[in-house]
Amino acid sequence: MTTPTATETPQQAALRLGCGTSQVGRCATCQSFCQRYGPGGSPLCPACKSGRPGV
């Protein structure tokens, strides 16, 4: 998985994450795009889930 850019759009995030745009949302902690909805979704991005926000 690559690191998101500062100007990433939901469409770009969906391509990076390998999911549909309807599954993309903002991380509840750091506000970066993550797969928030649907199977495998989480309110937190992988970095925040592992305790490393902003990484």
N, C-alpha and C. Protein backbone atom coordinates (compact mmCIF):
# COMPACT_ATOMS: atom_id res chain seq x y z
N MET A 1 0.85 -1.17 0.00
CA MET A 1 0.00 0.00 0.00
C MET A 1 0.90 1.23 0.00
N THR A 2 0.52 2.23 -0.77
CA THR A 2 1.31 3.45 -0.84
C THR A 2 0.77 4.48 0.12
N THR A 3 1.57 5.50 0.38
CA THR A 3 1.19 6.58 1.28
C THR A 3 0.29 7.56 0.55
N PRO A 4 -0.79 8.03 1.15
CA PRO A 4 -1.66 8.98 0.49
C PRO A 4 -0.99 10.34 0.32
N THR A 5 -1.37 11.07 -0.72
CA THR A 5 -0.85 12.41 -0.93
C THR A 5 -1.77 13.42 -0.27
N ALA A 6 -1.27 14.62 -0.06
CA ALA A 6 -2.05 15.66 0.62
C ALA A 6 -3.29 16.07 -0.17
N THR A 7 -3.23 15.96 -1.48
CA THR A 7 -4.36 16.39 -2.31
C THR A 7 -5.10 15.21 -2.93
N GLU A 8 -5.03 14.07 -2.28
CA GLU A 8 -5.67 12.87 -2.80
C GLU A 8 -7.19 13.02 -2.84
N THR A 9 -7.77 12.58 -3.93
CA THR A 9 -9.24 12.61 -4.07
C THR A 9 -9.80 11.26 -3.63
N PRO A 10 -11.11 11.20 -3.37
CA PRO A 10 -11.70 9.90 -3.03
C PRO A 10 -11.49 8.85 -4.13
N GLN A 11 -11.52 9.29 -5.38
CA GLN A 11 -11.31 8.36 -6.50
C GLN A 11 -9.89 7.81 -6.49
N GLN A 12 -8.91 8.66 -6.23
CA GLN A 12 -7.52 8.21 -6.16
C GLN A 12 -7.32 7.28 -4.97
N ALA A 13 -7.96 7.60 -3.85
CA ALA A 13 -7.85 6.76 -2.66
C ALA A 13 -8.44 5.38 -2.93
N ALA A 14 -9.56 5.33 -3.63
CA ALA A 14 -10.18 4.04 -3.96
C ALA A 14 -9.25 3.19 -4.81
N LEU A 15 -8.58 3.80 -5.77
CA LEU A 15 -7.61 3.06 -6.59
C LEU A 15 -6.45 2.57 -5.74
N ARG A 16 -5.94 3.42 -4.86
CA ARG A 16 -4.82 3.05 -3.99
C ARG A 16 -5.21 1.91 -3.05
N LEU A 17 -6.44 1.97 -2.53
CA LEU A 17 -6.90 1.00 -1.55
C LEU A 17 -7.46 -0.28 -2.18
N GLY A 18 -7.78 -0.22 -3.46
CA GLY A 18 -8.34 -1.39 -4.13
C GLY A 18 -9.79 -1.64 -3.76
N CYS A 19 -10.55 -0.57 -3.57
CA CYS A 19 -11.97 -0.71 -3.23
C CYS A 19 -12.77 0.31 -4.04
N GLY A 20 -14.08 0.27 -3.92
CA GLY A 20 -14.93 1.21 -4.62
C GLY A 20 -15.00 2.55 -3.91
N THR A 21 -15.34 3.60 -4.64
CA THR A 21 -15.42 4.93 -4.03
C THR A 21 -16.51 4.99 -2.95
N SER A 22 -17.51 4.12 -3.05
CA SER A 22 -18.57 4.12 -2.03
C SER A 22 -18.07 3.56 -0.70
N GLN A 23 -16.90 2.94 -0.70
CA GLN A 23 -16.33 2.39 0.53
C GLN A 23 -15.28 3.30 1.16
N VAL A 24 -14.96 4.39 0.50
CA VAL A 24 -13.91 5.29 0.98
C VAL A 24 -14.52 6.34 1.91
N GLY A 25 -13.83 6.60 3.00
CA GLY A 25 -14.22 7.65 3.94
C GLY A 25 -13.00 8.15 4.66
N ARG A 26 -13.18 9.10 5.54
CA ARG A 26 -12.08 9.68 6.30
C ARG A 26 -11.83 8.90 7.58
N CYS A 27 -10.57 8.72 7.92
CA CYS A 27 -10.19 8.08 9.17
C CYS A 27 -10.71 8.94 10.32
N ALA A 28 -11.26 8.31 11.34
CA ALA A 28 -11.82 9.04 12.48
C ALA A 28 -10.76 9.76 13.29
N THR A 29 -9.50 9.35 13.17
CA THR A 29 -8.43 9.97 13.95
C THR A 29 -7.66 11.01 13.17
N CYS A 30 -7.10 10.62 12.01
CA CYS A 30 -6.21 11.53 11.29
C CYS A 30 -6.84 12.17 10.05
N GLN A 31 -8.04 11.77 9.69
CA GLN A 31 -8.79 12.32 8.57
C GLN A 31 -8.22 11.98 7.19
N SER A 32 -7.28 11.03 7.10
CA SER A 32 -6.83 10.59 5.78
C SER A 32 -7.88 9.63 5.22
N PHE A 33 -7.87 9.44 3.90
CA PHE A 33 -8.82 8.51 3.29
C PHE A 33 -8.43 7.08 3.64
N CYS A 34 -9.44 6.27 3.92
CA CYS A 34 -9.24 4.85 4.18
C CYS A 34 -10.48 4.10 3.73
N GLN A 35 -10.39 2.76 3.70
CA GLN A 35 -11.57 1.96 3.39
C GLN A 35 -12.41 1.91 4.65
N ARG A 36 -13.38 2.77 4.73
CA ARG A 36 -14.17 2.92 5.95
C ARG A 36 -15.44 2.07 5.94
N TYR A 37 -15.99 1.80 4.77
CA TYR A 37 -17.28 1.11 4.67
C TYR A 37 -17.14 -0.20 3.91
N GLY A 38 -18.11 -1.09 4.09
CA GLY A 38 -18.15 -2.35 3.37
C GLY A 38 -17.29 -3.42 4.03
N PRO A 39 -17.20 -4.59 3.40
CA PRO A 39 -16.40 -5.68 3.94
C PRO A 39 -14.93 -5.25 4.08
N GLY A 40 -14.37 -5.43 5.24
CA GLY A 40 -12.98 -5.04 5.47
C GLY A 40 -12.81 -3.59 5.87
N GLY A 41 -13.92 -2.85 5.95
CA GLY A 41 -13.84 -1.44 6.30
C GLY A 41 -13.59 -1.23 7.78
N SER A 42 -13.06 -0.06 8.11
CA SER A 42 -12.75 0.28 9.50
C SER A 42 -12.84 1.79 9.65
N PRO A 43 -13.25 2.29 10.82
CA PRO A 43 -13.27 3.74 11.02
C PRO A 43 -11.87 4.34 11.14
N LEU A 44 -10.85 3.47 11.27
CA LEU A 44 -9.47 3.94 11.38
C LEU A 44 -8.63 3.45 10.21
N CYS A 45 -7.68 4.28 9.77
CA CYS A 45 -6.75 3.87 8.73
C CYS A 45 -5.74 2.88 9.33
N PRO A 46 -4.99 2.15 8.50
CA PRO A 46 -4.03 1.18 9.04
C PRO A 46 -3.01 1.81 9.99
N ALA A 47 -2.53 3.02 9.69
CA ALA A 47 -1.54 3.66 10.56
C ALA A 47 -2.13 3.95 11.94
N CYS A 48 -3.35 4.44 11.99
CA CYS A 48 -3.99 4.75 13.28
C CYS A 48 -4.36 3.47 14.04
N LYS A 49 -4.76 2.42 13.31
CA LYS A 49 -5.05 1.14 13.96
C LYS A 49 -3.81 0.57 14.64
N SER A 50 -2.66 0.80 14.04
CA SER A 50 -1.42 0.26 14.61
C SER A 50 -0.80 1.21 15.63
N GLY A 51 -1.46 2.35 15.88
CA GLY A 51 -0.97 3.29 16.88
C GLY A 51 0.07 4.26 16.37
N ARG A 52 0.14 4.43 15.04
CA ARG A 52 1.12 5.35 14.45
C ARG A 52 0.43 6.39 13.59
N PRO A 53 -0.41 7.26 14.13
CA PRO A 53 -1.10 8.25 13.31
C PRO A 53 -0.14 9.12 12.51
N GLY A 54 -0.52 9.39 11.28
CA GLY A 54 0.28 10.26 10.43
C GLY A 54 1.44 9.57 9.75
N VAL A 55 1.58 8.27 9.91
CA VAL A 55 2.71 7.55 9.29
C VAL A 55 2.26 7.00 7.96
